[in-house]
Amino acid sequence: MSKNSAAAQKADEATATSTALNTGVQRKEAPELTKAQQQAVKGLPSWSAKFRYLAGQGYATADIARITGKRYQHVNNVLRQPAPKSGQ
């Protein structure tokens, strides 16, 4: 086996492996925010506040993670905690 054919075989195996791993996995795209929602989110001081605002707008935890680019577990942890009381 020559060098080129060995490299080609290795590339084919890598492609087959990545194809097998990706089969059946479909990722959803992040939902679009309205202009008003974008402005509101932009003006919030923390990620926690942004997560809570979007949850209040009816977005699911997974959608909030997609919109903000944060991990699902981060969003979930924030939303499961009670919001801090204002003035403290």
PDB file of N, CA and C in Angstrom:
ATOM      1  N   MET A   1       0.856  -1.176   0.000  1.00  0.00           N
ATOM      2  CA  MET A   1       0.000   0.000   0.000  1.00  0.00           C
ATOM      3  C   MET A   1       0.898   1.234   0.000  1.00  0.00           C
ATOM      4  N   SER A   2       0.641   2.145  -0.908  1.00  0.00           N
ATOM      5  CA  SER A   2       1.447   3.352  -0.988  1.00  0.00           C
ATOM      6  C   SER A   2       1.002   4.373   0.055  1.00  0.00           C
ATOM      7  N   LYS A   3       1.823   5.405   0.225  1.00  0.00           N
ATOM      8  CA  LYS A   3       1.496   6.446   1.202  1.00  0.00           C
ATOM      9  C   LYS A   3       0.175   7.128   0.866  1.00  0.00           C
ATOM     10  N   ASN A   4      -0.011   7.438  -0.422  1.00  0.00           N
ATOM     11  CA  ASN A   4      -1.220   8.150  -0.829  1.00  0.00           C
ATOM     12  C   ASN A   4      -2.476   7.323  -0.595  1.00  0.00           C
ATOM     13  N   SER A   5      -2.418   6.031  -0.921  1.00  0.00           N
ATOM     14  CA  SER A   5      -3.609   5.217  -0.730  1.00  0.00           C
ATOM     15  C   SER A   5      -3.883   4.990   0.758  1.00  0.00           C
ATOM     16  N   ALA A   6      -2.842   4.929   1.584  1.00  0.00           N
ATOM     17  CA  ALA A   6      -3.031   4.789   3.029  1.00  0.00           C
ATOM     18  C   ALA A   6      -3.675   6.055   3.596  1.00  0.00           C
ATOM     19  N   ALA A   7      -3.233   7.197   3.122  1.00  0.00           N
ATOM     20  CA  ALA A   7      -3.805   8.469   3.579  1.00  0.00           C
ATOM     21  C   ALA A   7      -5.258   8.589   3.132  1.00  0.00           C
ATOM     22  N   ALA A   8      -5.515   8.143   1.902  1.00  0.00           N
ATOM     23  CA  ALA A   8      -6.886   8.199   1.392  1.00  0.00           C
ATOM     24  C   ALA A   8      -7.798   7.272   2.184  1.00  0.00           C
ATOM     25  N   GLN A   9      -7.289   6.091   2.523  1.00  0.00           N
ATOM     26  CA  GLN A   9      -8.083   5.144   3.300  1.00  0.00           C
ATOM     27  C   GLN A   9      -8.376   5.713   4.691  1.00  0.00           C
ATOM     28  N   LYS A  10      -7.366   6.332   5.293  1.00  0.00           N
ATOM     29  CA  LYS A  10      -7.550   6.933   6.616  1.00  0.00           C
ATOM     30  C   LYS A  10      -8.594   8.055   6.558  1.00  0.00           C
ATOM     31  N   ALA A  11      -8.553   8.870   5.508  1.00  0.00           N
ATOM     32  CA  ALA A  11      -9.521   9.948   5.337  1.00  0.00           C
ATOM     33  C   ALA A  11     -10.927   9.389   5.157  1.00  0.00           C
ATOM     34  N   ASP A  12     -11.043   8.293   4.378  1.00  0.00           N
ATOM     35  CA  ASP A  12     -12.348   7.657   4.180  1.00  0.00           C
ATOM     36  C   ASP A  12     -12.905   7.109   5.489  1.00  0.00           C
ATOM     37  N   GLU A  13     -12.043   6.522   6.310  1.00  0.00           N
ATOM     38  CA  GLU A  13     -12.473   5.988   7.601  1.00  0.00           C
ATOM     39  C   GLU A  13     -12.941   7.110   8.525  1.00  0.00           C
ATOM     40  N   ALA A  14     -12.210   8.227   8.516  1.00  0.00           N
ATOM     41  CA  ALA A  14     -12.588   9.368   9.355  1.00  0.00           C
ATOM     42  C   ALA A  14     -13.937   9.927   8.915  1.00  0.00           C
ATOM     43  N   THR A  15     -14.159  10.002   7.609  1.00  0.00           N
ATOM     44  CA  THR A  15     -15.438  10.493   7.088  1.00  0.00           C
ATOM     45  C   THR A  15     -16.568   9.555   7.476  1.00  0.00           C
ATOM     46  N   ALA A  16     -16.340   8.269   7.354  1.00  0.00           N
ATOM     47  CA  ALA A  16     -17.364   7.285   7.702  1.00  0.00           C
ATOM     48  C   ALA A  16     -17.695   7.359   9.190  1.00  0.00           C
ATOM     49  N   THR A  17     -16.674   7.543  10.010  1.00  0.00           N
ATOM     50  CA  THR A  17     -16.891   7.631  11.456  1.00  0.00           C
ATOM     51  C   THR A  17     -17.692   8.876  11.798  1.00  0.00           C
ATOM     52  N   SER A  18     -17.314  10.019  11.235  1.00  0.00           N
ATOM     53  CA  SER A  18     -18.036  11.247  11.557  1.00  0.00           C
ATOM     54  C   SER A  18     -19.463  11.194  11.028  1.00  0.00           C
ATOM     55  N   THR A  19     -19.665  10.569   9.875  1.00  0.00           N
ATOM     56  CA  THR A  19     -21.006  10.427   9.331  1.00  0.00           C
ATOM     57  C   THR A  19     -21.853   9.538  10.238  1.00  0.00           C
ATOM     58  N   ALA A  20     -21.258   8.463  10.731  1.00  0.00           N
ATOM     59  CA  ALA A  20     -21.990   7.555  11.611  1.00  0.00           C
ATOM     60  C   ALA A  20     -22.371   8.251  12.911  1.00  0.00           C
ATOM     61  N   LEU A  21     -21.501   9.094  13.421  1.00  0.00           N
ATOM     62  CA  LEU A  21     -21.790   9.805  14.665  1.00  0.00           C
ATOM     63  C   LEU A  21     -22.896  10.840  14.480  1.00  0.00           C
ATOM     64  N   ASN A  22     -22.957  11.432  13.301  1.00  0.00           N
ATOM     65  CA  ASN A  22     -23.928  12.494  13.059  1.00  0.00           C
ATOM     66  C   ASN A  22     -25.262  11.999  12.526  1.00  0.00           C
ATOM     67  N   THR A  23     -25.369  10.750  12.222  1.00  0.00           N
ATOM     68  CA  THR A  23     -26.597  10.212  11.658  1.00  0.00           C
ATOM     69  C   THR A  23     -27.743  10.319  12.658  1.00  0.00           C
ATOM     70  N   GLY A  24     -28.826  10.871  12.213  1.00  0.00           N
ATOM     71  CA  GLY A  24     -30.010  10.953  13.055  1.00  0.00           C
ATOM     72  C   GLY A  24     -30.019  12.111  14.031  1.00  0.00           C
ATOM     73  N   VAL A  25     -28.967  12.888  14.079  1.00  0.00           N
ATOM     74  CA  VAL A  25     -28.932  14.018  15.009  1.00  0.00           C
ATOM     75  C   VAL A  25     -29.302  15.273  14.237  1.00  0.00           C
ATOM     76  N   GLN A  26     -30.402  15.864  14.641  1.00  0.00           N
ATOM     77  CA  GLN A  26     -30.820  17.099  13.999  1.00  0.00           C
ATOM     78  C   GLN A  26     -30.874  18.191  15.055  1.00  0.00           C
ATOM     79  N   ARG A  27     -30.143  19.243  14.834  1.00  0.00           N
ATOM     80  CA  ARG A  27     -30.089  20.352  15.779  1.00  0.00           C
ATOM     81  C   ARG A  27     -31.086  21.412  15.350  1.00  0.00           C
ATOM     82  N   LYS A  28     -31.814  21.922  16.320  1.00  0.00           N
ATOM     83  CA  LYS A  28     -32.736  23.015  16.033  1.00  0.00           C
ATOM     84  C   LYS A  28     -31.963  24.319  15.997  1.00  0.00           C
ATOM     85  N   GLU A  29     -32.457  25.233  15.218  1.00  0.00           N
ATOM     86  CA  GLU A  29     -31.870  26.568  15.192  1.00  0.00           C
ATOM     87  C   GLU A  29     -32.521  27.404  16.278  1.00  0.00           C
ATOM     88  N   ALA A  30     -31.797  28.406  16.713  1.00  0.00           N
ATOM     89  CA  ALA A  30     -32.325  29.304  17.746  1.00  0.00           C
ATOM     90  C   ALA A  30     -33.504  30.080  17.170  1.00  0.00           C
ATOM     91  N   PRO A  31     -34.577  30.223  17.948  1.00  0.00           N
ATOM     92  CA  PRO A  31     -35.700  31.026  17.471  1.00  0.00           C
ATOM     93  C   PRO A  31     -35.310  32.498  17.378  1.00  0.00           C
ATOM     94  N   GLU A  32     -35.981  33.212  16.526  1.00  0.00           N
ATOM     95  CA  GLU A  32     -35.708  34.633  16.345  1.00  0.00           C
ATOM     96  C   GLU A  32     -36.406  35.452  17.423  1.00  0.00           C
ATOM     97  N   LEU A  33     -35.706  36.468  17.916  1.00  0.00           N
ATOM     98  CA  LEU A  33     -36.308  37.408  18.854  1.00  0.00           C
ATOM     99  C   LEU A  33     -36.830  38.602  18.075  1.00  0.00           C
ATOM    100  N   THR A  34     -37.888  39.213  18.584  1.00  0.00           N
ATOM    101  CA  THR A  34     -38.372  40.440  17.964  1.00  0.00           C
ATOM    102  C   THR A  34     -37.383  41.557  18.286  1.00  0.00           C
ATOM    103  N   LYS A  35     -37.501  42.663  17.580  1.00  0.00           N
ATOM    104  CA  LYS A  35     -36.619  43.812  17.842  1.00  0.00           C
ATOM    105  C   LYS A  35     -36.767  44.292  19.276  1.00  0.00           C
ATOM    106  N   ALA A  36     -38.000  44.329  19.767  1.00  0.00           N
ATOM    107  CA  ALA A  36     -38.240  44.783  21.143  1.00  0.00           C
ATOM    108  C   ALA A  36     -37.581  43.840  22.143  1.00  0.00           C
ATOM    109  N   GLN A  37     -37.673  42.542  21.888  1.00  0.00           N
ATOM    110  CA  GLN A  37     -37.037  41.564  22.776  1.00  0.00           C
ATOM    111  C   GLN A  37     -35.521  41.686  22.722  1.00  0.00           C
ATOM    112  N   GLN A  38     -34.972  41.901  21.542  1.00  0.00           N
ATOM    113  CA  GLN A  38     -33.527  42.067  21.405  1.00  0.00           C
ATOM    114  C   GLN A  38     -33.046  43.269  22.214  1.00  0.00           C
ATOM    115  N   GLN A  39     -33.780  44.377  22.119  1.00  0.00           N
ATOM    116  CA  GLN A  39     -33.411  45.577  22.864  1.00  0.00           C
ATOM    117  C   GLN A  39     -33.514  45.348  24.363  1.00  0.00           C
ATOM    118  N   ALA A  40     -34.579  44.672  24.783  1.00  0.00           N
ATOM    119  CA  ALA A  40     -34.768  44.404  26.211  1.00  0.00           C
ATOM    120  C   ALA A  40     -33.650  43.519  26.749  1.00  0.00           C
ATOM    121  N   VAL A  41     -33.294  42.478  26.016  1.00  0.00           N
ATOM    122  CA  VAL A  41     -32.235  41.565  26.450  1.00  0.00           C
ATOM    123  C   VAL A  41     -30.897  42.292  26.493  1.00  0.00           C
ATOM    124  N   LYS A  42     -30.656  43.120  25.496  1.00  0.00           N
ATOM    125  CA  LYS A  42     -29.395  43.845  25.410  1.00  0.00           C
ATOM    126  C   LYS A  42     -29.197  44.773  26.615  1.00  0.00           C
ATOM    127  N   GLY A  43     -30.282  45.322  27.126  1.00  0.00           N
ATOM    128  CA  GLY A  43     -30.197  46.265  28.230  1.00  0.00           C
ATOM    129  C   GLY A  43     -30.113  45.632  29.612  1.00  0.00           C
ATOM    130  N   LEU A  44     -30.225  44.322  29.697  1.00  0.00           N
ATOM    131  CA  LEU A  44     -30.187  43.663  31.004  1.00  0.00           C
ATOM    132  C   LEU A  44     -28.744  43.477  31.471  1.00  0.00           C
ATOM    133  N   PRO A  45     -28.506  43.601  32.791  1.00  0.00           N
ATOM    134  CA  PRO A  45     -27.133  43.637  33.306  1.00  0.00           C
ATOM    135  C   PRO A  45     -26.419  42.286  33.423  1.00  0.00           C
ATOM    136  N   SER A  46     -27.143  41.178  33.474  1.00  0.00           N
ATOM    137  CA  SER A  46     -26.492  39.887  33.710  1.00  0.00           C
ATOM    138  C   SER A  46     -27.130  38.804  32.853  1.00  0.00           C
ATOM    139  N   TRP A  47     -26.390  37.706  32.733  1.00  0.00           N
ATOM    140  CA  TRP A  47     -26.940  36.563  32.012  1.00  0.00           C
ATOM    141  C   TRP A  47     -28.179  36.032  32.724  1.00  0.00           C
ATOM    142  N   SER A  48     -28.146  36.015  34.024  1.00  0.00           N
ATOM    143  CA  SER A  48     -29.294  35.518  34.787  1.00  0.00           C
ATOM    144  C   SER A  48     -30.551  36.318  34.474  1.00  0.00           C
ATOM    145  N   ALA A  49     -30.394  37.628  34.429  1.00  0.00           N
ATOM    146  CA  ALA A  49     -31.535  38.488  34.119  1.00  0.00           C
ATOM    147  C   ALA A  49     -32.041  38.227  32.704  1.00  0.00           C
ATOM    148  N   LYS A  50     -31.124  38.000  31.782  1.00  0.00           N
ATOM    149  CA  LYS A  50     -31.518  37.700  30.399  1.00  0.00           C
ATOM    150  C   LYS A  50     -32.274  36.377  30.329  1.00  0.00           C
ATOM    151  N   PHE A  51     -31.759  35.367  31.031  1.00  0.00           N
ATOM    152  CA  PHE A  51     -32.430  34.069  31.038  1.00  0.00           C
ATOM    153  C   PHE A  51     -33.840  34.198  31.599  1.00  0.00           C
ATOM    154  N   ARG A  52     -33.962  34.899  32.714  1.00  0.00           N
ATOM    155  CA  ARG A  52     -35.276  35.051  33.356  1.00  0.00           C
ATOM    156  C   ARG A  52     -36.244  35.853  32.486  1.00  0.00           C
ATOM    157  N   TYR A  53     -35.748  36.875  31.826  1.00  0.00           N
ATOM    158  CA  TYR A  53     -36.595  37.659  30.924  1.00  0.00           C
ATOM    159  C   TYR A  53     -37.133  36.768  29.807  1.00  0.00           C
ATOM    160  N   LEU A  54     -36.241  36.005  29.162  1.00  0.00           N
ATOM    161  CA  LEU A  54     -36.665  35.157  28.049  1.00  0.00           C
ATOM    162  C   LEU A  54     -37.623  34.055  28.519  1.00  0.00           C
ATOM    163  N   ALA A  55     -37.386  33.520  29.710  1.00  0.00           N
ATOM    164  CA  ALA A  55     -38.310  32.520  30.263  1.00  0.00           C
ATOM    165  C   ALA A  55     -39.678  33.154  30.492  1.00  0.00           C
ATOM    166  N   GLY A  56     -39.688  34.384  30.964  1.00  0.00           N
ATOM    167  CA  GLY A  56     -40.939  35.104  31.175  1.00  0.00           C
ATOM    168  C   GLY A  56     -41.671  35.389  29.871  1.00  0.00           C
ATOM    169  N   GLN A  57     -40.924  35.447  28.778  1.00  0.00           N
ATOM    170  CA  GLN A  57     -41.522  35.652  27.456  1.00  0.00           C
ATOM    171  C   GLN A  57     -42.048  34.349  26.860  1.00  0.00           C
ATOM    172  N   GLY A  58     -41.842  33.243  27.589  1.00  0.00           N
ATOM    173  CA  GLY A  58     -42.395  31.971  27.151  1.00  0.00           C
ATOM    174  C   GLY A  58     -41.422  31.056  26.424  1.00  0.00           C
ATOM    175  N   TYR A  59     -40.143  31.416  26.367  1.00  0.00           N
ATOM    176  CA  TYR A  59     -39.169  30.564  25.699  1.00  0.00           C
ATOM    177  C   TYR A  59     -38.795  29.384  26.577  1.00  0.00           C
ATOM    178  N   ALA A  60     -38.590  28.234  25.966  1.00  0.00           N
ATOM    179  CA  ALA A  60     -38.164  27.024  26.673  1.00  0.00           C
ATOM    180  C   ALA A  60     -36.685  27.151  27.030  1.00  0.00           C
ATOM    181  N   THR A  61     -36.268  26.384  28.020  1.00  0.00           N
ATOM    182  CA  THR A  61     -34.881  26.424  28.484  1.00  0.00           C
ATOM    183  C   THR A  61     -33.905  26.153  27.341  1.00  0.00           C
ATOM    184  N   ALA A  62     -34.182  25.148  26.536  1.00  0.00           N
ATOM    185  CA  ALA A  62     -33.291  24.809  25.419  1.00  0.00           C
ATOM    186  C   ALA A  62     -33.215  25.953  24.414  1.00  0.00           C
ATOM    187  N   ASP A  63     -34.339  26.621  24.157  1.00  0.00           N
ATOM    188  CA  ASP A  63     -34.340  27.754  23.232  1.00  0.00           C
ATOM    189  C   ASP A  63     -33.542  28.924  23.796  1.00  0.00           C
ATOM    190  N   ILE A  64     -33.650  29.157  25.095  1.00  0.00           N
ATOM    191  CA  ILE A  64     -32.876  30.232  25.722  1.00  0.00           C
ATOM    192  C   ILE A  64     -31.387  29.936  25.587  1.00  0.00           C
ATOM    193  N   ALA A  65     -31.000  28.693  25.779  1.00  0.00           N
ATOM    194  CA  ALA A  65     -29.598  28.305  25.616  1.00  0.00           C
ATOM    195  C   ALA A  65     -29.139  28.541  24.175  1.00  0.00           C
ATOM    196  N   ARG A  66     -29.968  28.206  23.207  1.00  0.00           N
ATOM    197  CA  ARG A  66     -29.605  28.421  21.807  1.00  0.00           C
ATOM    198  C   ARG A  66     -29.499  29.912  21.488  1.00  0.00           C
ATOM    199  N   ILE A  67     -30.441  30.700  21.973  1.00  0.00           N
ATOM    200  CA  ILE A  67     -30.458  32.133  21.692  1.00  0.00           C
ATOM    201  C   ILE A  67     -29.221  32.815  22.262  1.00  0.00           C
ATOM    202  N   THR A  68     -28.871  32.481  23.498  1.00  0.00           N
ATOM    203  CA  THR A  68     -27.777  33.167  24.183  1.00  0.00           C
ATOM    204  C   THR A  68     -26.413  32.540  23.915  1.00  0.00           C
ATOM    205  N   GLY A  69     -26.403  31.308  23.418  1.00  0.00           N
ATOM    206  CA  GLY A  69     -25.134  30.632  23.189  1.00  0.00           C
ATOM    207  C   GLY A  69     -24.532  30.054  24.458  1.00  0.00           C
ATOM    208  N   LYS A  70     -25.319  29.989  25.509  1.00  0.00           N
ATOM    209  CA  LYS A  70     -24.862  29.415  26.777  1.00  0.00           C
ATOM    210  C   LYS A  70     -25.291  27.958  26.846  1.00  0.00           C
ATOM    211  N   ARG A  71     -24.696  27.228  27.761  1.00  0.00           N
ATOM    212  CA  ARG A  71     -25.039  25.814  27.909  1.00  0.00           C
ATOM    213  C   ARG A  71     -26.416  25.656  28.556  1.00  0.00           C
ATOM    214  N   TYR A  72     -27.100  24.594  28.155  1.00  0.00           N
ATOM    215  CA  TYR A  72     -28.425  24.295  28.684  1.00  0.00           C
ATOM    216  C   TYR A  72     -28.386  24.223  30.206  1.00  0.00           C
ATOM    217  N   GLN A  73     -27.365  23.559  30.764  1.00  0.00           N
ATOM    218  CA  GLN A  73     -27.305  23.367  32.210  1.00  0.00           C
ATOM    219  C   GLN A  73     -27.158  24.689  32.947  1.00  0.00           C
ATOM    220  N   HIS A  74     -26.418  25.639  32.378  1.00  0.00           N
ATOM    221  CA  HIS A  74     -26.279  26.962  32.989  1.00  0.00           C
ATOM    222  C   HIS A  74     -27.643  27.651  33.060  1.00  0.00           C
ATOM    223  N   VAL A  75     -28.339  27.650  31.932  1.00  0.00           N
ATOM    224  CA  VAL A  75     -29.669  28.276  31.889  1.00  0.00           C
ATOM    225  C   VAL A  75     -30.608  27.583  32.873  1.00  0.00           C
ATOM    226  N   ASN A  76     -30.610  26.278  32.876  1.00  0.00           N
ATOM    227  CA  ASN A  76     -31.489  25.510  33.751  1.00  0.00           C
ATOM    228  C   ASN A  76     -31.210  25.811  35.227  1.00  0.00           C
ATOM    229  N   ASN A  77     -29.929  25.850  35.599  1.00  0.00           N
ATOM    230  CA  ASN A  77     -29.572  26.142  36.991  1.00  0.00           C
ATOM    231  C   ASN A  77     -30.074  27.511  37.424  1.00  0.00           C
ATOM    232  N   VAL A  78     -29.922  28.502  36.555  1.00  0.00           N
ATOM    233  CA  VAL A  78     -30.382  29.852  36.885  1.00  0.00           C
ATOM    234  C   VAL A  78     -31.898  29.879  37.043  1.00  0.00           C
ATOM    235  N   LEU A  79     -32.603  29.249  36.124  1.00  0.00           N
ATOM    236  CA  LEU A  79     -34.069  29.306  36.150  1.00  0.00           C
ATOM    237  C   LEU A  79     -34.662  28.515  37.309  1.00  0.00           C
ATOM    238  N   ARG A  80     -33.935  27.545  37.820  1.00  0.00           N
ATOM    239  CA  ARG A  80     -34.444  26.761  38.949  1.00  0.00           C
ATOM    240  C   ARG A  80     -34.264  27.478  40.282  1.00  0.00           C
ATOM    241  N   GLN A  81     -33.366  28.468  40.322  1.00  0.00           N
ATOM    242  CA  GLN A  81     -33.146  29.234  41.546  1.00  0.00           C
ATOM    243  C   GLN A  81     -34.136  30.380  41.612  1.00  0.00           C
ATOM    244  N   PRO A  82     -34.623  30.729  42.806  1.00  0.00           N
ATOM    245  CA  PRO A  82     -35.500  31.886  42.893  1.00  0.00           C
ATOM    246  C   PRO A  82     -34.753  33.162  42.545  1.00  0.00           C
ATOM    247  N   ALA A  83     -35.441  34.077  41.932  1.00  0.00           N
ATOM    248  CA  ALA A  83     -34.817  35.352  41.570  1.00  0.00           C
ATOM    249  C   ALA A  83     -34.454  36.109  42.844  1.00  0.00           C
ATOM    250  N   PRO A  84     -33.324  36.805  42.849  1.00  0.00           N
ATOM    251  CA  PRO A  84     -32.963  37.566  44.025  1.00  0.00           C
ATOM    252  C   PRO A  84     -33.964  38.688  44.266  1.00  0.00           C
ATOM    253  N   LYS A  85     -34.175  39.008  45.513  1.00  0.00           N
ATOM    254  CA  LYS A  85     -35.099  40.087  45.859  1.00  0.00           C
ATOM    255  C   LYS A  85     -34.438  41.409  45.552  1.00  0.00           C
ATOM    256  N   SER A  86     -35.179  42.322  44.989  1.00  0.00           N
ATOM    257  CA  SER A  86     -34.593  43.625  44.643  1.00  0.00           C
ATOM    258  C   SER A  86     -34.275  44.413  45.917  1.00  0.00           C
ATOM    259  N   GLY A  87     -33.200  45.201  45.839  1.00  0.00           N
ATOM    260  CA  GLY A  87     -32.807  46.030  46.964  1.00  0.00           C
ATOM    261  C   GLY A  87     -31.865  45.338  47.912  1.00  0.00           C
ATOM    262  N   GLN A  88     -31.452  44.126  47.605  1.00  0.00           N
ATOM    263  CA  GLN A  88     -30.502  43.429  48.484  1.00  0.00           C
ATOM    264  C   GLN A  88     -29.193  43.226  47.811  1.00  0.00           C
TER     265      GLN A  88
END
